[in-house]
């Protein structure tokens, strides 16, 4: 089930969008402020954000910028403004789409579905977790936009973990997946690569200890902290 976070200080608008989306199979989270929205994204598994621009304290522009600093989650801006310069501003801050109020509910649904299809097409090629981005096609790892230099083994290990959250990999399984069945690589080699991977992520500022977990006597797993309730 896809989840959508609706962010708007107008409770009536949030309720209307929620009532429309839920029959289409969407799980809905609600936030009335930008600060609340950021907290939801950090603690819940949100697949897409519908973000109003005109909000008190932290407006939609600032909220979008803050979300982009930690996540590539799709964002659709919702606003009464329709000037081209406002649309450009939202897109430059990282929004994926822009819909002006009042809008047709079927159009909103179509926009959500279009973005969801596009994201699913690149899921295998790109993984993002709290600002850490793994890009297979570019063979690049970055944290909040800053590249983290990794060896091919470290890169492949990280991608394997991020694509398989909460799955426990034994050292033997990792050797088979990374080096192949005929490899003579030992478990201690895996530990060495994991240690280097952790250190590079740690130096970049990413809290790797919260995600790459050692399962003593077995191996390792990647924990998706957004799924914690």
C-alpha atoms as a PDB file:
ATOM      1  CA  UNK A   1       0.000   0.000   0.000  1.00  0.00           C
ATOM      2  CA  UNK A   2       1.341   3.418  -0.993  1.00  0.00           C
ATOM      3  CA  UNK A   3       1.350   6.090   1.702  1.00  0.00           C
ATOM      4  CA  UNK A   4       0.793   9.809   1.193  1.00  0.00           C
ATOM      5  CA  UNK A   5       1.568  12.597   3.664  1.00  0.00           C
ATOM      6  CA  UNK A   6      -0.814  15.557   3.293  1.00  0.00           C
ATOM      7  CA  UNK A   7       0.649  18.785   4.691  1.00  0.00           C
ATOM      8  CA  UNK A   8      -1.715  21.739   4.992  1.00  0.00           C
ATOM      9  CA  UNK A   9      -2.777  24.020   7.849  1.00  0.00           C
ATOM     10  CA  UNK A  10      -6.350  23.961   6.513  1.00  0.00           C
ATOM     11  CA  UNK A  11      -7.878  20.932   8.241  1.00  0.00           C
ATOM     12  CA  UNK A  12     -10.841  20.855   5.846  1.00  0.00           C
ATOM     13  CA  UNK A  13      -8.542  20.578   2.825  1.00  0.00           C
ATOM     14  CA  UNK A  14      -6.536  17.774   4.441  1.00  0.00           C
ATOM     15  CA  UNK A  15      -9.714  15.855   5.262  1.00  0.00           C
ATOM     16  CA  UNK A  16     -11.123  16.268   1.741  1.00  0.00           C
ATOM     17  CA  UNK A  17      -7.966  14.991   0.047  1.00  0.00           C
ATOM     18  CA  UNK A  18      -7.741  12.161   2.560  1.00  0.00           C
ATOM     19  CA  UNK A  19     -11.335  11.056   1.916  1.00  0.00           C
ATOM     20  CA  UNK A  20     -10.633  11.026  -1.817  1.00  0.00           C
ATOM     21  CA  UNK A  21      -7.349   9.087  -1.690  1.00  0.00           C
ATOM     22  CA  UNK A  22      -8.189   6.348   0.818  1.00  0.00           C
ATOM     23  CA  UNK A  23     -10.772   4.539  -1.383  1.00  0.00           C
ATOM     24  CA  UNK A  24      -8.036   4.318  -4.042  1.00  0.00           C
ATOM     25  CA  UNK A  25      -5.866   2.259  -1.699  1.00  0.00           C
ATOM     26  CA  UNK A  26      -3.617   4.965  -0.261  1.00  0.00           C
ATOM     27  CA  UNK A  27      -2.613   5.096   3.377  1.00  0.00           C
ATOM     28  CA  UNK A  28      -2.812   8.704   4.526  1.00  0.00           C
ATOM     29  CA  UNK A  29      -0.719  10.605   7.063  1.00  0.00           C
ATOM     30  CA  UNK A  30      -1.625  14.162   8.037  1.00  0.00           C
ATOM     31  CA  UNK A  31       0.424  17.168   9.157  1.00  0.00           C
ATOM     32  CA  UNK A  32      -0.704  20.739   9.781  1.00  0.00           C
ATOM     33  CA  UNK A  33       2.774  22.323   9.910  1.00  0.00           C
ATOM     34  CA  UNK A  34       6.106  21.952   8.151  1.00  0.00           C
ATOM     35  CA  UNK A  35       7.776  20.871  11.369  1.00  0.00           C
ATOM     36  CA  UNK A  36       5.192  18.133  11.875  1.00  0.00           C
ATOM     37  CA  UNK A  37       5.693  17.002   8.275  1.00  0.00           C
ATOM     38  CA  UNK A  38       9.457  16.639   8.730  1.00  0.00           C
ATOM     39  CA  UNK A  39       8.913  14.603  11.891  1.00  0.00           C
ATOM     40  CA  UNK A  40       6.457  12.310  10.067  1.00  0.00           C
ATOM     41  CA  UNK A  41       8.939  11.660   7.271  1.00  0.00           C
ATOM     42  CA  UNK A  42      11.631  10.773   9.804  1.00  0.00           C
ATOM     43  CA  UNK A  43       9.422   8.344  11.716  1.00  0.00           C
ATOM     44  CA  UNK A  44       6.973   6.919   9.169  1.00  0.00           C
ATOM     45  CA  UNK A  45       7.362   5.225   5.800  1.00  0.00           C
ATOM     46  CA  UNK A  46       5.985   7.931   3.520  1.00  0.00           C
ATOM     47  CA  UNK A  47       5.989   7.362  -0.248  1.00  0.00           C
ATOM     48  CA  UNK A  48       4.839  10.804  -1.421  1.00  0.00           C
ATOM     49  CA  UNK A  49       4.172  14.266   0.043  1.00  0.00           C
ATOM     50  CA  UNK A  50       1.364  16.665  -0.891  1.00  0.00           C
ATOM     51  CA  UNK A  51       2.717  19.960   0.414  1.00  0.00           C
ATOM     52  CA  UNK A  52       0.826  23.243   0.712  1.00  0.00           C
ATOM     53  CA  UNK A  53       2.870  26.417   0.231  1.00  0.00           C
ATOM     54  CA  UNK A  54       1.069  28.939   2.444  1.00  0.00           C
ATOM     55  CA  UNK A  55       1.591  27.743   6.023  1.00  0.00           C
ATOM     56  CA  UNK A  56       2.564  29.624   9.192  1.00  0.00           C
ATOM     57  CA  UNK A  57       5.968  29.278  10.892  1.00  0.00           C
ATOM     58  CA  UNK A  58       7.631  27.044   8.274  1.00  0.00           C
ATOM     59  CA  UNK A  59       6.104  27.614   4.835  1.00  0.00           C
ATOM     60  CA  UNK A  60       5.990  25.095   2.006  1.00  0.00           C
ATOM     61  CA  UNK A  61       9.151  26.413   0.343  1.00  0.00           C
ATOM     62  CA  UNK A  62      11.234  26.019   3.499  1.00  0.00           C
ATOM     63  CA  UNK A  63       9.633  22.654   4.267  1.00  0.00           C
ATOM     64  CA  UNK A  64      10.402  21.383   0.756  1.00  0.00           C
ATOM     65  CA  UNK A  65      14.018  22.486   1.065  1.00  0.00           C
ATOM     66  CA  UNK A  66      14.382  20.777   4.443  1.00  0.00           C
ATOM     67  CA  UNK A  67      12.817  17.544   3.174  1.00  0.00           C
ATOM     68  CA  UNK A  68      15.157  17.555   0.179  1.00  0.00           C
ATOM     69  CA  UNK A  69      18.174  17.825   2.486  1.00  0.00           C
ATOM     70  CA  UNK A  70      17.335  14.411   3.945  1.00  0.00           C
ATOM     71  CA  UNK A  71      15.283  12.555   1.339  1.00  0.00           C
ATOM     72  CA  UNK A  72      14.386  12.210  -2.349  1.00  0.00           C
ATOM     73  CA  UNK A  73      10.775  11.395  -1.517  1.00  0.00           C
ATOM     74  CA  UNK A  74       8.420  12.728  -4.273  1.00  0.00           C
ATOM     75  CA  UNK A  75       6.826  16.098  -3.440  1.00  0.00           C
ATOM     76  CA  UNK A  76       3.786  17.673  -5.100  1.00  0.00           C
ATOM     77  CA  UNK A  77       3.248  21.305  -4.132  1.00  0.00           C
ATOM     78  CA  UNK A  78      -0.361  22.429  -3.545  1.00  0.00           C
ATOM     79  CA  UNK A  79      -1.089  26.152  -3.627  1.00  0.00           C
ATOM     80  CA  UNK A  80      -3.545  28.813  -4.714  1.00  0.00           C
ATOM     81  CA  UNK A  81      -0.749  30.578  -6.542  1.00  0.00           C
ATOM     82  CA  UNK A  82      -0.395  29.914 -10.255  1.00  0.00           C
ATOM     83  CA  UNK A  83       2.275  32.412 -11.329  1.00  0.00           C
ATOM     84  CA  UNK A  84       5.023  30.837 -13.419  1.00  0.00           C
ATOM     85  CA  UNK A  85       7.773  32.217 -11.159  1.00  0.00           C
ATOM     86  CA  UNK A  86       6.200  30.469  -8.153  1.00  0.00           C
ATOM     87  CA  UNK A  87       6.088  27.188 -10.064  1.00  0.00           C
ATOM     88  CA  UNK A  88       9.747  27.549 -11.056  1.00  0.00           C
ATOM     89  CA  UNK A  89      10.688  28.318  -7.453  1.00  0.00           C
ATOM     90  CA  UNK A  90       9.050  25.145  -6.199  1.00  0.00           C
ATOM     91  CA  UNK A  91      10.679  22.976  -8.846  1.00  0.00           C
ATOM     92  CA  UNK A  92      14.114  24.474  -8.180  1.00  0.00           C
ATOM     93  CA  UNK A  93      13.724  23.694  -4.473  1.00  0.00           C
ATOM     94  CA  UNK A  94      13.168  20.041  -5.366  1.00  0.00           C
ATOM     95  CA  UNK A  95       9.426  19.628  -5.868  1.00  0.00           C
ATOM     96  CA  UNK A  96       8.471  16.979  -8.443  1.00  0.00           C
ATOM     97  CA  UNK A  97       5.179  18.541  -9.488  1.00  0.00           C
ATOM     98  CA  UNK A  98       2.947  21.539  -8.802  1.00  0.00           C
ATOM     99  CA  UNK A  99      -0.874  21.746  -8.669  1.00  0.00           C
ATOM    100  CA  UNK A 100      -2.828  24.938  -8.085  1.00  0.00           C
ATOM    101  CA  UNK A 101      -5.994  25.153  -6.014  1.00  0.00           C
ATOM    102  CA  UNK A 102      -8.779  24.511  -6.685  1.00  0.00           C
ATOM    103  CA  UNK A 103      -7.836  21.327  -8.504  1.00  0.00           C
ATOM    104  CA  UNK A 104      -9.743  18.397  -9.951  1.00  0.00           C
ATOM    105  CA  UNK A 105      -9.415  15.348  -7.717  1.00  0.00           C
ATOM    106  CA  UNK A 106      -8.986  13.015 -10.690  1.00  0.00           C
ATOM    107  CA  UNK A 107      -6.124  15.170 -11.977  1.00  0.00           C
ATOM    108  CA  UNK A 108      -4.447  14.997  -8.571  1.00  0.00           C
ATOM    109  CA  UNK A 109      -4.796  11.216  -8.555  1.00  0.00           C
ATOM    110  CA  UNK A 110      -3.352  10.992 -12.078  1.00  0.00           C
ATOM    111  CA  UNK A 111      -0.362  13.142 -11.062  1.00  0.00           C
ATOM    112  CA  UNK A 112       0.287  10.946  -8.021  1.00  0.00           C
ATOM    113  CA  UNK A 113       0.099   7.778 -10.107  1.00  0.00           C
ATOM    114  CA  UNK A 114       2.418   9.210 -12.765  1.00  0.00           C
ATOM    115  CA  UNK A 115       5.082  10.105 -10.212  1.00  0.00           C
ATOM    116  CA  UNK A 116       4.710   6.729  -8.502  1.00  0.00           C
ATOM    117  CA  UNK A 117       5.255   4.903 -11.813  1.00  0.00           C
ATOM    118  CA  UNK A 118       8.345   6.966 -12.549  1.00  0.00           C
ATOM    119  CA  UNK A 119       9.818   6.346  -9.110  1.00  0.00           C
ATOM    120  CA  UNK A 120       9.211   2.606  -9.338  1.00  0.00           C
ATOM    121  CA  UNK A 121      11.059   2.497 -12.657  1.00  0.00           C
ATOM    122  CA  UNK A 122      14.279   3.719 -10.996  1.00  0.00           C
ATOM    123  CA  UNK A 123      13.899   1.896  -7.661  1.00  0.00           C
ATOM    124  CA  UNK A 124      16.473  -0.747  -8.549  1.00  0.00           C
ATOM    125  CA  UNK A 125      18.938   1.822  -9.835  1.00  0.00           C
ATOM    126  CA  UNK A 126      18.717   4.253  -6.917  1.00  0.00           C
ATOM    127  CA  UNK A 127      18.216   3.870  -3.181  1.00  0.00           C
ATOM    128  CA  UNK A 128      17.844   6.754  -0.723  1.00  0.00           C
ATOM    129  CA  UNK A 129      17.816   6.643   3.067  1.00  0.00           C
ATOM    130  CA  UNK A 130      17.835   9.758   5.256  1.00  0.00           C
ATOM    131  CA  UNK A 131      20.075  11.683   2.867  1.00  0.00           C
ATOM    132  CA  UNK A 132      22.303   8.747   1.867  1.00  0.00           C
ATOM    133  CA  UNK A 133      21.921   8.061  -1.864  1.00  0.00           C
ATOM    134  CA  UNK A 134      23.144   4.989  -3.771  1.00  0.00           C
ATOM    135  CA  UNK A 135      23.027   5.283  -7.570  1.00  0.00           C
ATOM    136  CA  UNK A 136      23.812   2.166  -9.577  1.00  0.00           C
ATOM    137  CA  UNK A 137      23.936   3.752 -13.062  1.00  0.00           C
ATOM    138  CA  UNK A 138      26.316   6.479 -11.912  1.00  0.00           C
ATOM    139  CA  UNK A 139      28.205   4.116  -9.572  1.00  0.00           C
ATOM    140  CA  UNK A 140      27.983   6.876  -6.987  1.00  0.00           C
ATOM    141  CA  UNK A 141      27.282   7.105  -3.271  1.00  0.00           C
ATOM    142  CA  UNK A 142      26.571  10.470  -1.677  1.00  0.00           C
ATOM    143  CA  UNK A 143      25.296  11.926   1.562  1.00  0.00           C
ATOM    144  CA  UNK A 144      23.334  15.181   1.351  1.00  0.00           C
ATOM    145  CA  UNK A 145      24.848  15.757  -2.088  1.00  0.00           C
ATOM    146  CA  UNK A 146      28.494  15.137  -1.126  1.00  0.00           C
ATOM    147  CA  UNK A 147      30.131  12.140  -2.814  1.00  0.00           C
ATOM    148  CA  UNK A 148      31.489   9.301  -0.669  1.00  0.00           C
ATOM    149  CA  UNK A 149      34.318   7.480  -2.447  1.00  0.00           C
ATOM    150  CA  UNK A 150      33.920   3.708  -2.234  1.00  0.00           C
ATOM    151  CA  UNK A 151      35.600   0.656  -3.692  1.00  0.00           C
ATOM    152  CA  UNK A 152      33.515  -1.564  -6.023  1.00  0.00           C
ATOM    153  CA  UNK A 153      33.063  -4.126  -3.223  1.00  0.00           C
ATOM    154  CA  UNK A 154      31.922  -1.492  -0.724  1.00  0.00           C
ATOM    155  CA  UNK A 155      29.573  -0.016  -3.331  1.00  0.00           C
ATOM    156  CA  UNK A 156      28.022  -3.393  -4.140  1.00  0.00           C
ATOM    157  CA  UNK A 157      27.633  -4.290  -0.471  1.00  0.00           C
ATOM    158  CA  UNK A 158      25.877  -1.019   0.329  1.00  0.00           C
ATOM    159  CA  UNK A 159      23.525  -1.405  -2.643  1.00  0.00           C
ATOM    160  CA  UNK A 160      22.680  -4.965  -1.630  1.00  0.00           C
ATOM    161  CA  UNK A 161      21.845  -3.906   1.916  1.00  0.00           C
ATOM    162  CA  UNK A 162      19.790  -0.854   0.928  1.00  0.00           C
ATOM    163  CA  UNK A 163      17.733  -2.829  -1.602  1.00  0.00           C
ATOM    164  CA  UNK A 164      16.930  -5.483   0.997  1.00  0.00           C
ATOM    165  CA  UNK A 165      15.996  -3.738   4.279  1.00  0.00           C
ATOM    166  CA  UNK A 166      15.623  -5.956   7.364  1.00  0.00           C
ATOM    167  CA  UNK A 167      16.951  -9.029   5.549  1.00  0.00           C
ATOM    168  CA  UNK A 168      19.741 -10.807   7.435  1.00  0.00           C
ATOM    169  CA  UNK A 169      22.721 -11.802   5.281  1.00  0.00           C
ATOM    170  CA  UNK A 170      25.200 -14.360   6.568  1.00  0.00           C
ATOM    171  CA  UNK A 171      28.856 -13.827   5.711  1.00  0.00           C
ATOM    172  CA  UNK A 172      28.735 -16.882   3.448  1.00  0.00           C
ATOM    173  CA  UNK A 173      25.714 -15.521   1.594  1.00  0.00           C
ATOM    174  CA  UNK A 174      27.386 -12.136   1.108  1.00  0.00           C
ATOM    175  CA  UNK A 175      30.473 -13.835  -0.315  1.00  0.00           C
ATOM    176  CA  UNK A 176      28.328 -15.765  -2.804  1.00  0.00           C
ATOM    177  CA  UNK A 177      26.391 -12.668  -3.863  1.00  0.00           C
ATOM    178  CA  UNK A 178      29.360 -10.291  -4.147  1.00  0.00           C
ATOM    179  CA  UNK A 179      32.266 -12.558  -5.176  1.00  0.00           C
ATOM    180  CA  UNK A 180      30.476 -15.610  -6.611  1.00  0.00           C
ATOM    181  CA  UNK A 181      30.048 -19.263  -5.644  1.00  0.00           C
ATOM    182  CA  UNK A 182      33.597 -20.229  -6.648  1.00  0.00           C
ATOM    183  CA  UNK A 183      35.252 -17.591  -4.480  1.00  0.00           C
ATOM    184  CA  UNK A 184      37.748 -18.549  -1.764  1.00  0.00           C
ATOM    185  CA  UNK A 185      37.050 -15.322   0.116  1.00  0.00           C
ATOM    186  CA  UNK A 186      36.782 -15.723   3.897  1.00  0.00           C
ATOM    187  CA  UNK A 187      34.306 -14.234   6.338  1.00  0.00           C
ATOM    188  CA  UNK A 188      36.995 -12.007   7.809  1.00  0.00           C
ATOM    189  CA  UNK A 189      37.284 -10.265   4.443  1.00  0.00           C
ATOM    190  CA  UNK A 190      33.591  -9.365   4.622  1.00  0.00           C
ATOM    191  CA  UNK A 191      34.117  -7.915   8.097  1.00  0.00           C
ATOM    192  CA  UNK A 192      36.984  -5.798   6.791  1.00  0.00           C
ATOM    193  CA  UNK A 193      34.914  -4.358   3.937  1.00  0.00           C
ATOM    194  CA  UNK A 194      31.981  -3.695   6.272  1.00  0.00           C
ATOM    195  CA  UNK A 195      34.308  -1.898   8.685  1.00  0.00           C
ATOM    196  CA  UNK A 196      35.649   0.327   5.877  1.00  0.00           C
ATOM    197  CA  UNK A 197      32.128   0.972   4.566  1.00  0.00           C
ATOM    198  CA  UNK A 198      30.952   2.060   7.989  1.00  0.00           C
ATOM    199  CA  UNK A 199      33.940   4.329   8.530  1.00  0.00           C
ATOM    200  CA  UNK A 200      33.455   6.140   5.211  1.00  0.00           C
ATOM    201  CA  UNK A 201      29.751   6.706   5.903  1.00  0.00           C
ATOM    202  CA  UNK A 202      30.547   7.837   9.443  1.00  0.00           C
ATOM    203  CA  UNK A 203      33.094  10.375   8.208  1.00  0.00           C
ATOM    204  CA  UNK A 204      30.516  11.803   5.808  1.00  0.00           C
ATOM    205  CA  UNK A 205      28.147  12.456   8.718  1.00  0.00           C
ATOM    206  CA  UNK A 206      25.675   9.663   7.975  1.00  0.00           C
ATOM    207  CA  UNK A 207      24.610   7.730  11.090  1.00  0.00           C
ATOM    208  CA  UNK A 208      25.542   4.318   9.684  1.00  0.00           C
ATOM    209  CA  UNK A 209      25.342   2.591  13.090  1.00  0.00           C
ATOM    210  CA  UNK A 210      21.559   3.145  13.069  1.00  0.00           C
ATOM    211  CA  UNK A 211      21.184   1.251   9.792  1.00  0.00           C
ATOM    212  CA  UNK A 212      23.945  -1.299   9.135  1.00  0.00           C
ATOM    213  CA  UNK A 213      23.456  -3.682  12.037  1.00  0.00           C
ATOM    214  CA  UNK A 214      25.676  -6.598  13.083  1.00  0.00           C
ATOM    215  CA  UNK A 215      23.778  -9.799  13.856  1.00  0.00           C
ATOM    216  CA  UNK A 216      26.270 -11.495  16.142  1.00  0.00           C
ATOM    217  CA  UNK A 217      27.255 -14.995  15.083  1.00  0.00           C
ATOM    218  CA  UNK A 218      25.383 -14.679  11.784  1.00  0.00           C
ATOM    219  CA  UNK A 219      26.152 -11.631   9.682  1.00  0.00           C
ATOM    220  CA  UNK A 220      24.606  -8.244   8.908  1.00  0.00           C
ATOM    221  CA  UNK A 221      21.354  -6.523   7.987  1.00  0.00           C
ATOM    222  CA  UNK A 222      20.190  -3.058   6.906  1.00  0.00           C
ATOM    223  CA  UNK A 223      17.523  -1.480   9.103  1.00  0.00           C
ATOM    224  CA  UNK A 224      15.092   0.969   7.548  1.00  0.00           C
ATOM    225  CA  UNK A 225      14.672   3.457  10.423  1.00  0.00           C
ATOM    226  CA  UNK A 226      11.641   5.059   8.728  1.00  0.00           C
ATOM    227  CA  UNK A 227       9.635   1.892   9.333  1.00  0.00           C
ATOM    228  CA  UNK A 228      10.024   2.104  13.112  1.00  0.00           C
ATOM    229  CA  UNK A 229       6.763   2.899  14.873  1.00  0.00           C
END
